Amino acid sequence: MASNRRHKNDTASFAELTFAEQAKSINGSLSRLMAAIQAHERRAKSEGRSSTLPKAIKTLQNKVNDLQEKWQENLSKLL
């Protein structure tokens, strides 16, 4: 059951969200991140700067790799 703590002045922490609410929050964050990267790329282009996309992709790949490594470490501890 969803918590009642969802309003601006009484928000729930991420840990307090239900599984489904956490999934929606993660998806929303990723969507906002993609929009921000696209806006940053457009700004770079409008200011005559080189593309920021390769650096953003590399940063995201590094974060995903870090997440995979931590997941593998935790999995190996369970087995």
PDB file of N, CA and C in Angstrom:
ATOM      1  N   MET A   1       0.839  -1.178   0.000  1.00  0.00           N
ATOM      2  CA  MET A   1       0.000   0.000   0.000  1.00  0.00           C
ATOM      3  C   MET A   1       0.884   1.241   0.000  1.00  0.00           C
ATOM      4  N   ALA A   2       0.507   2.237  -0.768  1.00  0.00           N
ATOM      5  CA  ALA A   2       1.285   3.452  -0.895  1.00  0.00           C
ATOM      6  C   ALA A   2       1.229   4.270   0.392  1.00  0.00           C
ATOM      7  N   SER A   3       2.330   4.892   0.680  1.00  0.00           N
ATOM      8  CA  SER A   3       2.396   5.753   1.852  1.00  0.00           C
ATOM      9  C   SER A   3       1.674   7.064   1.560  1.00  0.00           C
ATOM     10  N   ASN A   4       1.209   7.734   2.610  1.00  0.00           N
ATOM     11  CA  ASN A   4       0.558   9.024   2.449  1.00  0.00           C
ATOM     12  C   ASN A   4       1.560  10.161   2.371  1.00  0.00           C
ATOM     13  N   ARG A   5       2.818   9.890   2.639  1.00  0.00           N
ATOM     14  CA  ARG A   5       3.844  10.937   2.629  1.00  0.00           C
ATOM     15  C   ARG A   5       4.345  11.188   1.212  1.00  0.00           C
ATOM     16  N   ARG A   6       3.593  11.942   0.424  1.00  0.00           N
ATOM     17  CA  ARG A   6       3.982  12.205  -0.949  1.00  0.00           C
ATOM     18  C   ARG A   6       3.892  13.689  -1.315  1.00  0.00           C
ATOM     19  N   HIS A   7       3.443  14.512  -0.414  1.00  0.00           N
ATOM     20  CA  HIS A   7       3.266  15.917  -0.737  1.00  0.00           C
ATOM     21  C   HIS A   7       4.548  16.690  -0.519  1.00  0.00           C
ATOM     22  N   LYS A   8       4.612  17.860  -1.088  1.00  0.00           N
ATOM     23  CA  LYS A   8       5.825  18.657  -1.116  1.00  0.00           C
ATOM     24  C   LYS A   8       6.477  18.826   0.256  1.00  0.00           C
ATOM     25  N   ASN A   9       5.699  19.090   1.262  1.00  0.00           N
ATOM     26  CA  ASN A   9       6.261  19.370   2.577  1.00  0.00           C
ATOM     27  C   ASN A   9       6.381  18.138   3.464  1.00  0.00           C
ATOM     28  N   ASP A  10       5.955  17.005   3.008  1.00  0.00           N
ATOM     29  CA  ASP A  10       6.008  15.773   3.805  1.00  0.00           C
ATOM     30  C   ASP A  10       6.331  14.604   2.876  1.00  0.00           C
ATOM     31  N   THR A  11       7.509  14.644   2.284  1.00  0.00           N
ATOM     32  CA  THR A  11       7.855  13.637   1.281  1.00  0.00           C
ATOM     33  C   THR A  11       8.451  12.398   1.921  1.00  0.00           C
ATOM     34  N   ALA A  12       8.254  11.295   1.258  1.00  0.00           N
ATOM     35  CA  ALA A  12       8.821  10.031   1.713  1.00  0.00           C
ATOM     36  C   ALA A  12      10.245   9.913   1.175  1.00  0.00           C
ATOM     37  N   SER A  13      11.090   9.241   1.923  1.00  0.00           N
ATOM     38  CA  SER A  13      12.428   8.950   1.408  1.00  0.00           C
ATOM     39  C   SER A  13      12.284   7.853   0.352  1.00  0.00           C
ATOM     40  N   PHE A  14      13.319   7.708  -0.445  1.00  0.00           N
ATOM     41  CA  PHE A  14      13.275   6.677  -1.485  1.00  0.00           C
ATOM     42  C   PHE A  14      13.052   5.308  -0.861  1.00  0.00           C
ATOM     43  N   ALA A  15      13.707   5.033   0.251  1.00  0.00           N
ATOM     44  CA  ALA A  15      13.579   3.735   0.916  1.00  0.00           C
ATOM     45  C   ALA A  15      12.155   3.470   1.389  1.00  0.00           C
ATOM     46  N   GLU A  16      11.401   4.530   1.679  1.00  0.00           N
ATOM     47  CA  GLU A  16      10.027   4.378   2.153  1.00  0.00           C
ATOM     48  C   GLU A  16       9.039   4.101   1.024  1.00  0.00           C
ATOM     49  N   LEU A  17       9.458   4.305  -0.212  1.00  0.00           N
ATOM     50  CA  LEU A  17       8.570   4.056  -1.342  1.00  0.00           C
ATOM     51  C   LEU A  17       8.349   2.563  -1.532  1.00  0.00           C
ATOM     52  N   THR A  18       7.212   2.217  -2.114  1.00  0.00           N
ATOM     53  CA  THR A  18       6.965   0.821  -2.460  1.00  0.00           C
ATOM     54  C   THR A  18       7.872   0.438  -3.624  1.00  0.00           C
ATOM     55  N   PHE A  19       7.957  -0.836  -3.908  1.00  0.00           N
ATOM     56  CA  PHE A  19       8.768  -1.313  -5.032  1.00  0.00           C
ATOM     57  C   PHE A  19       8.352  -0.628  -6.327  1.00  0.00           C
ATOM     58  N   ALA A  20       7.044  -0.569  -6.587  1.00  0.00           N
ATOM     59  CA  ALA A  20       6.532   0.054  -7.817  1.00  0.00           C
ATOM     60  C   ALA A  20       6.848   1.549  -7.843  1.00  0.00           C
ATOM     61  N   GLU A  21       6.717   2.211  -6.710  1.00  0.00           N
ATOM     62  CA  GLU A  21       7.016   3.643  -6.645  1.00  0.00           C
ATOM     63  C   GLU A  21       8.506   3.899  -6.865  1.00  0.00           C
ATOM     64  N   GLN A  22       9.346   3.010  -6.328  1.00  0.00           N
ATOM     65  CA  GLN A  22      10.781   3.150  -6.560  1.00  0.00           C
ATOM     66  C   GLN A  22      11.096   2.993  -8.044  1.00  0.00           C
ATOM     67  N   ALA A  23      10.472   2.015  -8.700  1.00  0.00           N
ATOM     68  CA  ALA A  23      10.700   1.797 -10.130  1.00  0.00           C
ATOM     69  C   ALA A  23      10.285   3.024 -10.939  1.00  0.00           C
ATOM     70  N   LYS A  24       9.130   3.594 -10.601  1.00  0.00           N
ATOM     71  CA  LYS A  24       8.668   4.796 -11.306  1.00  0.00           C
ATOM     72  C   LYS A  24       9.635   5.955 -11.069  1.00  0.00           C
ATOM     73  N   SER A  25      10.123   6.092  -9.872  1.00  0.00           N
ATOM     74  CA  SER A  25      11.060   7.159  -9.548  1.00  0.00           C
ATOM     75  C   SER A  25      12.359   7.012 -10.337  1.00  0.00           C
ATOM     76  N   ILE A  26      12.871   5.787 -10.413  1.00  0.00           N
ATOM     77  CA  ILE A  26      14.102   5.537 -11.171  1.00  0.00           C
ATOM     78  C   ILE A  26      13.874   5.854 -12.645  1.00  0.00           C
ATOM     79  N   ASN A  27      12.772   5.381 -13.199  1.00  0.00           N
ATOM     80  CA  ASN A  27      12.485   5.654 -14.616  1.00  0.00           C
ATOM     81  C   ASN A  27      12.333   7.144 -14.875  1.00  0.00           C
ATOM     82  N   GLY A  28      11.674   7.848 -13.956  1.00  0.00           N
ATOM     83  CA  GLY A  28      11.527   9.291 -14.102  1.00  0.00           C
ATOM     84  C   GLY A  28      12.867  10.004 -14.047  1.00  0.00           C
ATOM     85  N   SER A  29      13.722   9.571 -13.136  1.00  0.00           N
ATOM     86  CA  SER A  29      15.055  10.172 -13.030  1.00  0.00           C
ATOM     87  C   SER A  29      15.854   9.950 -14.309  1.00  0.00           C
ATOM     88  N   LEU A  30      15.777   8.754 -14.857  1.00  0.00           N
ATOM     89  CA  LEU A  30      16.497   8.465 -16.101  1.00  0.00           C
ATOM     90  C   LEU A  30      15.953   9.285 -17.259  1.00  0.00           C
ATOM     91  N   SER A  31      14.649   9.463 -17.308  1.00  0.00           N
ATOM     92  CA  SER A  31      14.046  10.286 -18.369  1.00  0.00           C
ATOM     93  C   SER A  31      14.492  11.737 -18.251  1.00  0.00           C
ATOM     94  N   ARG A  32      14.518  12.262 -17.013  1.00  0.00           N
ATOM     95  CA  ARG A  32      14.972  13.639 -16.808  1.00  0.00           C
ATOM     96  C   ARG A  32      16.450  13.777 -17.146  1.00  0.00           C
ATOM     97  N   LEU A  33      17.246  12.756 -16.823  1.00  0.00           N
ATOM     98  CA  LEU A  33      18.664  12.785 -17.154  1.00  0.00           C
ATOM     99  C   LEU A  33      18.861  12.825 -18.665  1.00  0.00           C
ATOM    100  N   MET A  34      18.113  12.006 -19.383  1.00  0.00           N
ATOM    101  CA  MET A  34      18.217  12.005 -20.850  1.00  0.00           C
ATOM    102  C   MET A  34      17.846  13.374 -21.422  1.00  0.00           C
ATOM    103  N   ALA A  35      16.781  13.970 -20.907  1.00  0.00           N
ATOM    104  CA  ALA A  35      16.360  15.292 -21.378  1.00  0.00           C
ATOM    105  C   ALA A  35      17.434  16.338 -21.071  1.00  0.00           C
ATOM    106  N   ALA A  36      18.053  16.243 -19.908  1.00  0.00           N
ATOM    107  CA  ALA A  36      19.100  17.192 -19.526  1.00  0.00           C
ATOM    108  C   ALA A  36      20.316  17.052 -20.440  1.00  0.00           C
ATOM    109  N   ILE A  37      20.703  15.819 -20.736  1.00  0.00           N
ATOM    110  CA  ILE A  37      21.844  15.591 -21.634  1.00  0.00           C
ATOM    111  C   ILE A  37      21.540  16.139 -23.025  1.00  0.00           C
ATOM    112  N   GLN A  38      20.319  15.925 -23.500  1.00  0.00           N
ATOM    113  CA  GLN A  38      19.932  16.449 -24.816  1.00  0.00           C
ATOM    114  C   GLN A  38      19.950  17.972 -24.829  1.00  0.00           C
ATOM    115  N   ALA A  39      19.464  18.594 -23.772  1.00  0.00           N
ATOM    116  CA  ALA A  39      19.474  20.057 -23.680  1.00  0.00           C
ATOM    117  C   ALA A  39      20.915  20.572 -23.635  1.00  0.00           C
ATOM    118  N   HIS A  40      21.772  19.871 -22.901  1.00  0.00           N
ATOM    119  CA  HIS A  40      23.183  20.250 -22.812  1.00  0.00           C
ATOM    120  C   HIS A  40      23.841  20.143 -24.187  1.00  0.00           C
ATOM    121  N   GLU A  41      23.511  19.109 -24.912  1.00  0.00           N
ATOM    122  CA  GLU A  41      24.056  18.919 -26.261  1.00  0.00           C
ATOM    123  C   GLU A  41      23.589  20.056 -27.194  1.00  0.00           C
ATOM    124  N   ARG A  42      22.297  20.409 -27.099  1.00  0.00           N
ATOM    125  CA  ARG A  42      21.784  21.513 -27.927  1.00  0.00           C
ATOM    126  C   ARG A  42      22.492  22.820 -27.571  1.00  0.00           C
ATOM    127  N   ARG A  43      22.708  23.061 -26.261  1.00  0.00           N
ATOM    128  CA  ARG A  43      23.403  24.282 -25.836  1.00  0.00           C
ATOM    129  C   ARG A  43      24.823  24.307 -26.382  1.00  0.00           C
ATOM    130  N   ALA A  44      25.502  23.186 -26.307  1.00  0.00           N
ATOM    131  CA  ALA A  44      26.869  23.107 -26.835  1.00  0.00           C
ATOM    132  C   ALA A  44      26.874  23.457 -28.320  1.00  0.00           C
ATOM    133  N   LYS A  45      25.931  22.903 -29.057  1.00  0.00           N
ATOM    134  CA  LYS A  45      25.856  23.160 -30.496  1.00  0.00           C
ATOM    135  C   LYS A  45      25.566  24.637 -30.760  1.00  0.00           C
ATOM    136  N   SER A  46      24.623  25.217 -30.019  1.00  0.00           N
ATOM    137  CA  SER A  46      24.264  26.622 -30.251  1.00  0.00           C
ATOM    138  C   SER A  46      25.404  27.577 -29.896  1.00  0.00           C
ATOM    139  N   GLU A  47      26.292  27.159 -28.998  1.00  0.00           N
ATOM    140  CA  GLU A  47      27.429  27.988 -28.613  1.00  0.00           C
ATOM    141  C   GLU A  47      28.695  27.644 -29.391  1.00  0.00           C
ATOM    142  N   GLY A  48      28.553  26.768 -30.396  1.00  0.00           N
ATOM    143  CA  GLY A  48      29.691  26.413 -31.240  1.00  0.00           C
ATOM    144  C   GLY A  48      30.722  25.543 -30.539  1.00  0.00           C
ATOM    145  N   ARG A  49      30.307  24.854 -29.502  1.00  0.00           N
ATOM    146  CA  ARG A  49      31.218  23.963 -28.778  1.00  0.00           C
ATOM    147  C   ARG A  49      31.170  22.563 -29.385  1.00  0.00           C
ATOM    148  N   SER A  50      32.156  21.774 -29.045  1.00  0.00           N
ATOM    149  CA  SER A  50      32.157  20.396 -29.540  1.00  0.00           C
ATOM    150  C   SER A  50      31.091  19.599 -28.793  1.00  0.00           C
ATOM    151  N   SER A  51      30.734  18.473 -29.369  1.00  0.00           N
ATOM    152  CA  SER A  51      29.685  17.624 -28.804  1.00  0.00           C
ATOM    153  C   SER A  51      30.049  17.152 -27.405  1.00  0.00           C
ATOM    154  N   THR A  52      29.064  17.198 -26.526  1.00  0.00           N
ATOM    155  CA  THR A  52      29.252  16.702 -25.163  1.00  0.00           C
ATOM    156  C   THR A  52      28.768  15.260 -25.027  1.00  0.00           C
ATOM    157  N   LEU A  53      28.134  14.760 -26.068  1.00  0.00           N
ATOM    158  CA  LEU A  53      27.522  13.441 -26.006  1.00  0.00           C
ATOM    159  C   LEU A  53      28.520  12.315 -25.726  1.00  0.00           C
ATOM    160  N   PRO A  54      29.671  12.266 -26.388  1.00  0.00           N
ATOM    161  CA  PRO A  54      30.610  11.173 -26.081  1.00  0.00           C
ATOM    162  C   PRO A  54      31.029  11.143 -24.611  1.00  0.00           C
ATOM    163  N   LYS A  55      31.259  12.318 -24.003  1.00  0.00           N
ATOM    164  CA  LYS A  55      31.653  12.364 -22.601  1.00  0.00           C
ATOM    165  C   LYS A  55      30.498  11.907 -21.714  1.00  0.00           C
ATOM    166  N   ALA A  56      29.277  12.341 -22.034  1.00  0.00           N
ATOM    167  CA  ALA A  56      28.117  11.939 -21.241  1.00  0.00           C
ATOM    168  C   ALA A  56      27.909  10.431 -21.316  1.00  0.00           C
ATOM    169  N   ILE A  57      28.056   9.867 -22.504  1.00  0.00           N
ATOM    170  CA  ILE A  57      27.894   8.420 -22.679  1.00  0.00           C
ATOM    171  C   ILE A  57      28.968   7.667 -21.894  1.00  0.00           C
ATOM    172  N   LYS A  58      30.203   8.148 -21.949  1.00  0.00           N
ATOM    173  CA  LYS A  58      31.297   7.501 -21.221  1.00  0.00           C
ATOM    174  C   LYS A  58      31.040   7.549 -19.716  1.00  0.00           C
ATOM    175  N   THR A  59      30.564   8.691 -19.230  1.00  0.00           N
ATOM    176  CA  THR A  59      30.260   8.827 -17.803  1.00  0.00           C
ATOM    177  C   THR A  59      29.171   7.840 -17.399  1.00  0.00           C
ATOM    178  N   LEU A  60      28.114   7.747 -18.203  1.00  0.00           N
ATOM    179  CA  LEU A  60      27.028   6.812 -17.912  1.00  0.00           C
ATOM    180  C   LEU A  60      27.512   5.368 -17.950  1.00  0.00           C
ATOM    181  N   GLN A  61      28.364   5.051 -18.925  1.00  0.00           N
ATOM    182  CA  GLN A  61      28.904   3.694 -19.001  1.00  0.00           C
ATOM    183  C   GLN A  61      29.720   3.358 -17.755  1.00  0.00           C
ATOM    184  N   ASN A  62      30.502   4.321 -17.281  1.00  0.00           N
ATOM    185  CA  ASN A  62      31.289   4.098 -16.061  1.00  0.00           C
ATOM    186  C   ASN A  62      30.383   3.855 -14.861  1.00  0.00           C
ATOM    187  N   LYS A  63      29.301   4.616 -14.754  1.00  0.00           N
ATOM    188  CA  LYS A  63      28.360   4.441 -13.641  1.00  0.00           C
ATOM    189  C   LYS A  63      27.682   3.071 -13.707  1.00  0.00           C
ATOM    190  N   VAL A  64      27.305   2.643 -14.906  1.00  0.00           N
ATOM    191  CA  VAL A  64      26.692   1.323 -15.075  1.00  0.00           C
ATOM    192  C   VAL A  64      27.701   0.232 -14.713  1.00  0.00           C
ATOM    193  N   ASN A  65      28.935   0.403 -15.139  1.00  0.00           N
ATOM    194  CA  ASN A  65      29.976  -0.574 -14.797  1.00  0.00           C
ATOM    195  C   ASN A  65      30.180  -0.662 -13.285  1.00  0.00           C
ATOM    196  N   ASP A  66      30.193   0.508 -12.608  1.00  0.00           N
ATOM    197  CA  ASP A  66      30.319   0.517 -11.152  1.00  0.00           C
ATOM    198  C   ASP A  66      29.170  -0.240 -10.496  1.00  0.00           C
ATOM    199  N   LEU A  67      27.968   0.008 -10.995  1.00  0.00           N
ATOM    200  CA  LEU A  67      26.782  -0.664 -10.459  1.00  0.00           C
ATOM    201  C   LEU A  67      26.878  -2.173 -10.663  1.00  0.00           C
ATOM    202  N   GLN A  68      27.316  -2.602 -11.849  1.00  0.00           N
ATOM    203  CA  GLN A  68      27.458  -4.037 -12.123  1.00  0.00           C
ATOM    204  C   GLN A  68      28.498  -4.672 -11.206  1.00  0.00           C
ATOM    205  N   GLU A  69      29.609  -3.980 -10.985  1.00  0.00           N
ATOM    206  CA  GLU A  69      30.652  -4.515 -10.110  1.00  0.00           C
ATOM    207  C   GLU A  69      30.141  -4.684  -8.681  1.00  0.00           C
ATOM    208  N   LYS A  70      29.428  -3.676  -8.192  1.00  0.00           N
ATOM    209  CA  LYS A  70      28.879  -3.769  -6.834  1.00  0.00           C
ATOM    210  C   LYS A  70      27.859  -4.886  -6.739  1.00  0.00           C
ATOM    211  N   TRP A  71      27.051  -5.038  -7.769  1.00  0.00           N
ATOM    212  CA  TRP A  71      26.048  -6.111  -7.782  1.00  0.00           C
ATOM    213  C   TRP A  71      26.738  -7.464  -7.766  1.00  0.00           C
ATOM    214  N   GLN A  72      27.790  -7.612  -8.564  1.00  0.00           N
ATOM    215  CA  GLN A  72      28.528  -8.881  -8.607  1.00  0.00           C
ATOM    216  C   GLN A  72      29.178  -9.176  -7.255  1.00  0.00           C
ATOM    217  N   GLU A  73      29.736  -8.150  -6.612  1.00  0.00           N
ATOM    218  CA  GLU A  73      30.347  -8.338  -5.282  1.00  0.00           C
ATOM    219  C   GLU A  73      29.306  -8.814  -4.281  1.00  0.00           C
ATOM    220  N   ASN A  74      28.155  -8.177  -4.296  1.00  0.00           N
ATOM    221  CA  ASN A  74      27.092  -8.566  -3.358  1.00  0.00           C
ATOM    222  C   ASN A  74      26.564  -9.949  -3.664  1.00  0.00           C
ATOM    223  N   LEU A  75      26.449 -10.302  -4.930  1.00  0.00           N
ATOM    224  CA  LEU A  75      25.968 -11.615  -5.320  1.00  0.00           C
ATOM    225  C   LEU A  75      26.943 -12.699  -4.863  1.00  0.00           C
ATOM    226  N   SER A  76      28.243 -12.443  -5.037  1.00  0.00           N
ATOM    227  CA  SER A  76      29.234 -13.440  -4.644  1.00  0.00           C
ATOM    228  C   SER A  76      29.224 -13.662  -3.124  1.00  0.00           C
ATOM    229  N   LYS A  77      28.880 -12.653  -2.352  1.00  0.00           N
ATOM    230  CA  LYS A  77      28.796 -12.795  -0.900  1.00  0.00           C
ATOM    231  C   LYS A  77      27.620 -13.677  -0.505  1.00  0.00           C
ATOM    232  N   LEU A  78      26.567 -13.679  -1.322  1.00  0.00           N
ATOM    233  CA  LEU A  78      25.379 -14.459  -1.023  1.00  0.00           C
ATOM    234  C   LEU A  78      25.546 -15.937  -1.355  1.00  0.00           C
ATOM    235  N   LEU A  79      26.429 -16.228  -2.298  1.00  0.00           N
ATOM    236  CA  LEU A  79      26.586 -17.622  -2.752  1.00  0.00           C
ATOM    237  C   LEU A  79      27.589 -18.379  -1.921  1.00  0.00           C
TER     238      LEU A  79
END
